[in-house]
């Protein structure tokens, strides 16, 4: 059974940092490019960052220079290091393949940036 589990969200002050983790089942991880997505209240879900199996990355313009996506093949885990967080980064963050598969969406992890 395919499984993707996100963790690491929480409440952080503006300017702070968080690291999100995404544990994916081995079959997914070894084959697909992986992405982090987010959905803010009242907005559509959007791609934040993605990484191929070879390590190439892409970022949304809004997070370039602040967020870093990485993957650890030995742990079947994808990370999103988020620095210099802003209130507009507040959202539920999801991990999925890139492009996403509808049957792989998990519950996500909530990130709240507020003073």
N, C-alpha and C. Protein backbone atom coordinates (compact mmCIF):
# COMPACT_ATOMS: atom_id res chain seq x y z
N UNK A 1 0.84 -1.19 0.00
CA UNK A 1 0.00 0.00 0.00
C UNK A 1 0.88 1.25 0.00
N UNK A 2 0.54 2.19 -0.85
CA UNK A 2 1.28 3.44 -0.94
C UNK A 2 1.02 4.27 0.29
N UNK A 3 2.08 4.87 0.81
CA UNK A 3 1.91 5.70 1.98
C UNK A 3 2.88 6.87 1.95
N UNK A 4 2.34 8.06 2.21
CA UNK A 4 3.14 9.28 2.35
C UNK A 4 2.69 9.96 3.63
N UNK A 5 3.64 10.25 4.52
CA UNK A 5 3.31 10.87 5.81
C UNK A 5 4.17 12.10 6.02
N UNK A 6 3.49 13.25 6.19
CA UNK A 6 4.19 14.51 6.43
C UNK A 6 4.27 14.80 7.93
N UNK A 7 5.34 15.49 8.35
CA UNK A 7 5.48 15.89 9.75
C UNK A 7 6.38 17.12 9.84
N UNK A 8 6.39 17.73 11.02
CA UNK A 8 7.30 18.82 11.27
C UNK A 8 6.68 20.20 11.31
N UNK A 9 5.40 20.30 11.06
CA UNK A 9 4.76 21.61 11.10
C UNK A 9 4.61 22.13 12.51
N UNK A 10 4.17 23.38 12.61
CA UNK A 10 3.98 23.97 13.92
C UNK A 10 3.81 25.47 13.83
N UNK A 11 3.85 26.11 14.98
CA UNK A 11 3.74 27.56 15.08
C UNK A 11 5.13 28.16 15.20
N UNK A 12 5.42 29.14 14.37
CA UNK A 12 6.73 29.79 14.39
C UNK A 12 6.56 31.28 14.17
N UNK A 13 7.44 32.06 14.75
CA UNK A 13 7.37 33.51 14.57
C UNK A 13 7.95 33.91 13.22
N UNK A 14 7.52 35.04 12.70
CA UNK A 14 8.11 35.54 11.45
C UNK A 14 9.63 35.62 11.56
N UNK A 15 10.31 35.19 10.50
CA UNK A 15 11.76 35.15 10.52
C UNK A 15 12.33 33.84 11.03
N UNK A 16 11.49 32.98 11.57
CA UNK A 16 11.94 31.71 12.11
C UNK A 16 12.10 30.63 11.06
N UNK A 17 12.44 29.42 11.53
CA UNK A 17 12.70 28.30 10.64
C UNK A 17 11.95 27.05 11.10
N UNK A 18 11.65 26.19 10.14
CA UNK A 18 11.09 24.88 10.40
C UNK A 18 11.64 23.92 9.36
N UNK A 19 11.70 22.64 9.71
CA UNK A 19 12.04 21.62 8.74
C UNK A 19 10.93 20.59 8.68
N UNK A 20 10.36 20.44 7.52
CA UNK A 20 9.31 19.44 7.30
C UNK A 20 9.93 18.16 6.76
N UNK A 21 9.31 17.05 7.14
CA UNK A 21 9.76 15.75 6.67
C UNK A 21 8.61 15.02 5.99
N UNK A 22 8.95 14.24 4.98
CA UNK A 22 7.97 13.45 4.25
C UNK A 22 8.53 12.03 4.09
N UNK A 23 7.90 11.11 4.78
CA UNK A 23 8.31 9.71 4.67
C UNK A 23 7.44 9.03 3.63
N UNK A 24 8.06 8.47 2.61
CA UNK A 24 7.33 7.83 1.52
C UNK A 24 7.71 6.36 1.41
N UNK A 25 6.76 5.56 1.00
CA UNK A 25 7.07 4.14 0.82
C UNK A 25 8.11 3.99 -0.28
N UNK A 26 8.90 2.94 -0.17
CA UNK A 26 10.07 2.79 -1.01
C UNK A 26 9.80 2.80 -2.50
N UNK A 27 8.68 2.19 -2.88
CA UNK A 27 8.36 2.13 -4.31
C UNK A 27 8.20 3.52 -4.90
N UNK A 28 7.49 4.38 -4.18
CA UNK A 28 7.30 5.74 -4.65
C UNK A 28 8.62 6.47 -4.71
N UNK A 29 9.35 6.37 -3.63
CA UNK A 29 10.53 7.19 -3.48
C UNK A 29 11.57 6.89 -4.54
N UNK A 30 11.72 5.65 -4.89
CA UNK A 30 12.79 5.27 -5.81
C UNK A 30 12.46 5.61 -7.26
N UNK A 31 11.20 5.80 -7.56
CA UNK A 31 10.80 5.99 -8.95
C UNK A 31 10.50 7.44 -9.31
N UNK A 32 9.81 8.13 -8.41
CA UNK A 32 9.24 9.42 -8.77
C UNK A 32 10.03 10.62 -8.26
N UNK A 33 9.88 11.72 -9.00
CA UNK A 33 10.25 13.01 -8.45
C UNK A 33 9.23 13.34 -7.36
N UNK A 34 9.67 14.04 -6.33
CA UNK A 34 8.80 14.35 -5.19
C UNK A 34 8.66 15.85 -5.03
N UNK A 35 7.50 16.26 -4.54
CA UNK A 35 7.28 17.69 -4.36
C UNK A 35 6.62 18.01 -3.05
N UNK A 36 6.83 19.23 -2.61
CA UNK A 36 6.10 19.80 -1.48
C UNK A 36 5.11 20.81 -2.05
N UNK A 37 3.89 20.74 -1.55
CA UNK A 37 2.82 21.62 -1.98
C UNK A 37 2.23 22.28 -0.73
N UNK A 38 1.51 23.37 -0.93
CA UNK A 38 0.85 23.99 0.22
C UNK A 38 -0.49 24.56 -0.22
N UNK A 39 -1.38 24.64 0.76
CA UNK A 39 -2.68 25.24 0.53
C UNK A 39 -3.02 26.15 1.70
N UNK A 40 -3.10 27.42 1.40
CA UNK A 40 -3.48 28.42 2.40
C UNK A 40 -5.00 28.55 2.42
N UNK A 41 -5.56 29.03 3.52
CA UNK A 41 -7.02 29.19 3.60
C UNK A 41 -7.56 30.04 2.45
N UNK A 42 -8.56 29.50 1.76
CA UNK A 42 -9.19 30.24 0.69
C UNK A 42 -8.42 30.26 -0.61
N UNK A 43 -7.31 29.54 -0.68
CA UNK A 43 -6.49 29.54 -1.89
C UNK A 43 -6.34 28.13 -2.45
N UNK A 44 -5.93 28.06 -3.70
CA UNK A 44 -5.69 26.76 -4.32
C UNK A 44 -4.35 26.18 -3.86
N UNK A 45 -4.27 24.88 -3.93
CA UNK A 45 -3.02 24.22 -3.60
C UNK A 45 -1.98 24.57 -4.65
N UNK A 46 -0.75 24.81 -4.21
CA UNK A 46 0.30 25.21 -5.13
C UNK A 46 1.59 24.45 -4.85
N UNK A 47 2.40 24.30 -5.88
CA UNK A 47 3.71 23.67 -5.73
C UNK A 47 4.64 24.66 -5.03
N UNK A 48 5.35 24.16 -4.02
CA UNK A 48 6.34 24.97 -3.32
C UNK A 48 7.74 24.64 -3.84
N UNK A 49 8.05 23.35 -3.90
CA UNK A 49 9.37 22.92 -4.35
C UNK A 49 9.29 21.46 -4.78
N UNK A 50 10.18 21.06 -5.67
CA UNK A 50 10.21 19.68 -6.14
C UNK A 50 11.65 19.25 -6.36
N UNK A 51 11.86 17.92 -6.28
CA UNK A 51 13.19 17.38 -6.47
C UNK A 51 13.08 16.07 -7.23
N UNK A 52 13.94 15.91 -8.24
CA UNK A 52 13.93 14.68 -9.02
C UNK A 52 14.72 13.60 -8.30
N UNK A 53 14.65 12.39 -8.81
CA UNK A 53 15.41 11.30 -8.21
C UNK A 53 16.90 11.55 -8.32
N UNK A 54 17.30 12.36 -9.29
CA UNK A 54 18.71 12.69 -9.45
C UNK A 54 19.17 13.90 -8.67
N UNK A 55 18.21 14.57 -8.02
CA UNK A 55 18.58 15.70 -7.17
C UNK A 55 18.37 17.07 -7.77
N UNK A 56 17.87 17.17 -8.99
CA UNK A 56 17.56 18.48 -9.55
C UNK A 56 16.35 19.06 -8.83
N UNK A 57 16.35 20.39 -8.65
CA UNK A 57 15.30 21.03 -7.87
C UNK A 57 14.64 22.17 -8.62
N UNK A 58 13.40 22.43 -8.25
CA UNK A 58 12.67 23.62 -8.72
C UNK A 58 11.97 24.23 -7.53
N UNK A 59 11.78 25.54 -7.57
CA UNK A 59 11.14 26.26 -6.47
C UNK A 59 10.15 27.28 -7.01
N UNK A 60 9.10 27.49 -6.24
CA UNK A 60 8.20 28.60 -6.53
C UNK A 60 8.96 29.90 -6.30
N UNK A 61 8.65 30.91 -7.08
CA UNK A 61 9.35 32.19 -6.95
C UNK A 61 9.22 32.75 -5.54
N UNK A 62 8.10 32.50 -4.90
CA UNK A 62 7.84 33.09 -3.58
C UNK A 62 8.73 32.51 -2.48
N UNK A 63 9.37 31.36 -2.73
CA UNK A 63 10.19 30.75 -1.68
C UNK A 63 11.66 30.63 -2.06
N UNK A 64 12.01 31.03 -3.28
CA UNK A 64 13.40 30.94 -3.72
C UNK A 64 14.32 31.70 -2.76
N UNK A 65 15.41 31.04 -2.39
CA UNK A 65 16.36 31.67 -1.49
C UNK A 65 16.03 31.50 -0.03
N UNK A 66 14.83 31.02 0.29
CA UNK A 66 14.43 30.82 1.68
C UNK A 66 14.20 29.35 2.01
N UNK A 67 13.68 28.59 1.05
CA UNK A 67 13.37 27.18 1.28
C UNK A 67 14.36 26.30 0.51
N UNK A 68 14.63 25.12 1.08
CA UNK A 68 15.50 24.15 0.42
C UNK A 68 14.88 22.77 0.52
N UNK A 69 14.72 22.14 -0.62
CA UNK A 69 14.20 20.76 -0.65
C UNK A 69 15.37 19.80 -0.82
N UNK A 70 15.29 18.67 -0.13
CA UNK A 70 16.33 17.66 -0.24
C UNK A 70 15.71 16.28 -0.03
N UNK A 71 16.47 15.24 -0.39
CA UNK A 71 15.95 13.89 -0.19
C UNK A 71 17.06 12.97 0.27
N UNK A 72 16.68 12.04 1.13
CA UNK A 72 17.61 11.05 1.65
C UNK A 72 17.12 9.68 1.17
N UNK A 73 17.83 9.12 0.20
CA UNK A 73 17.40 7.85 -0.38
C UNK A 73 17.51 6.70 0.62
N UNK A 74 18.42 6.82 1.58
CA UNK A 74 18.58 5.74 2.55
C UNK A 74 17.41 5.68 3.53
N UNK A 75 16.73 6.82 3.69
CA UNK A 75 15.61 6.88 4.63
C UNK A 75 14.27 7.04 3.93
N UNK A 76 14.28 7.04 2.60
CA UNK A 76 13.04 7.26 1.84
C UNK A 76 12.31 8.50 2.34
N UNK A 77 13.03 9.57 2.54
CA UNK A 77 12.47 10.78 3.14
C UNK A 77 12.85 12.00 2.31
N UNK A 78 11.88 12.89 2.18
CA UNK A 78 12.10 14.19 1.53
C UNK A 78 11.94 15.27 2.60
N UNK A 79 12.79 16.26 2.57
CA UNK A 79 12.76 17.33 3.56
C UNK A 79 12.48 18.67 2.88
N UNK A 80 11.93 19.57 3.66
CA UNK A 80 11.78 20.96 3.23
C UNK A 80 12.26 21.85 4.37
N UNK A 81 13.44 22.41 4.19
CA UNK A 81 13.98 23.36 5.16
C UNK A 81 13.44 24.74 4.83
N UNK A 82 12.75 25.34 5.77
CA UNK A 82 12.12 26.63 5.56
C UNK A 82 12.73 27.66 6.48
N UNK A 83 13.37 28.66 5.92
CA UNK A 83 14.00 29.73 6.68
C UNK A 83 13.33 31.06 6.37
N UNK A 84 13.58 32.03 7.21
CA UNK A 84 13.03 33.38 7.01
C UNK A 84 11.53 33.33 6.73
N UNK A 85 10.83 32.59 7.54
CA UNK A 85 9.41 32.39 7.30
C UNK A 85 8.62 33.68 7.44
N UNK A 86 7.59 33.79 6.62
CA UNK A 86 6.73 34.96 6.58
C UNK A 86 5.28 34.54 6.90
N UNK A 87 4.47 35.46 7.37
CA UNK A 87 3.07 35.13 7.63
C UNK A 87 2.37 34.53 6.41
N UNK A 88 2.75 34.96 5.22
CA UNK A 88 2.11 34.43 4.01
C UNK A 88 2.53 33.00 3.69
N UNK A 89 3.48 32.44 4.45
CA UNK A 89 3.83 31.03 4.30
C UNK A 89 2.88 30.12 5.08
N UNK A 90 2.00 30.72 5.86
CA UNK A 90 1.04 29.94 6.63
C UNK A 90 0.15 29.13 5.70
N UNK A 91 0.12 27.82 5.94
CA UNK A 91 -0.64 26.91 5.07
C UNK A 91 -0.51 25.48 5.59
N UNK A 92 -1.32 24.61 5.04
CA UNK A 92 -1.11 23.18 5.23
C UNK A 92 -0.16 22.72 4.13
N UNK A 93 0.91 22.07 4.51
CA UNK A 93 1.93 21.62 3.57
C UNK A 93 1.77 20.12 3.33
N UNK A 94 1.79 19.76 2.06
CA UNK A 94 1.61 18.38 1.63
C UNK A 94 2.82 17.90 0.82
N UNK A 95 3.03 16.62 0.89
CA UNK A 95 4.06 15.97 0.09
C UNK A 95 3.36 15.03 -0.90
N UNK A 96 3.87 14.99 -2.11
CA UNK A 96 3.30 14.10 -3.12
C UNK A 96 4.35 13.92 -4.20
N UNK A 97 4.06 13.08 -5.15
CA UNK A 97 4.95 12.98 -6.29
C UNK A 97 4.85 14.28 -7.10
N UNK A 98 5.76 14.45 -8.04
CA UNK A 98 5.75 15.62 -8.90
C UNK A 98 5.84 15.16 -10.35
N UNK A 99 4.75 15.34 -11.11
CA UNK A 99 3.48 15.94 -10.74
C UNK A 99 2.70 15.07 -9.76
N UNK A 100 1.73 15.65 -9.08
CA UNK A 100 1.05 14.91 -8.01
C UNK A 100 0.07 13.87 -8.56
N UNK A 101 -0.10 12.81 -7.76
CA UNK A 101 -1.10 11.80 -8.05
C UNK A 101 -2.24 11.96 -7.05
N UNK A 102 -3.45 11.93 -7.54
CA UNK A 102 -4.60 12.21 -6.70
C UNK A 102 -4.72 11.21 -5.55
N UNK A 103 -4.29 10.00 -5.76
CA UNK A 103 -4.45 8.97 -4.73
C UNK A 103 -3.30 8.97 -3.72
N UNK A 104 -2.37 9.89 -3.83
CA UNK A 104 -1.25 9.95 -2.91
C UNK A 104 -1.33 11.10 -1.90
N UNK A 105 -2.38 11.94 -1.99
CA UNK A 105 -2.45 13.06 -1.05
C UNK A 105 -2.65 12.54 0.37
N UNK A 106 -1.83 13.06 1.31
CA UNK A 106 -1.97 12.71 2.71
C UNK A 106 -2.71 13.80 3.46
N UNK A 107 -2.56 13.78 4.78
CA UNK A 107 -3.26 14.76 5.62
C UNK A 107 -2.53 16.09 5.68
N UNK A 108 -1.26 16.10 5.35
CA UNK A 108 -0.50 17.33 5.40
C UNK A 108 -0.07 17.69 6.81
N UNK A 109 0.71 18.75 6.90
CA UNK A 109 1.16 19.26 8.20
C UNK A 109 0.99 20.78 8.19
N UNK A 110 0.42 21.31 9.26
CA UNK A 110 0.08 22.72 9.33
C UNK A 110 1.27 23.55 9.78
N UNK A 111 1.56 24.58 9.01
CA UNK A 111 2.58 25.56 9.37
C UNK A 111 1.89 26.90 9.58
N UNK A 112 2.09 27.46 10.76
CA UNK A 112 1.51 28.75 11.09
C UNK A 112 2.63 29.71 11.44
N UNK A 113 2.71 30.81 10.70
CA UNK A 113 3.74 31.82 10.95
C UNK A 113 3.04 33.06 11.51
N UNK A 114 3.27 33.30 12.78
CA UNK A 114 2.56 34.39 13.45
C UNK A 114 3.33 34.81 14.69
N UNK A 115 3.21 36.11 14.99
CA UNK A 115 3.82 36.61 16.21
C UNK A 115 2.81 36.61 17.36
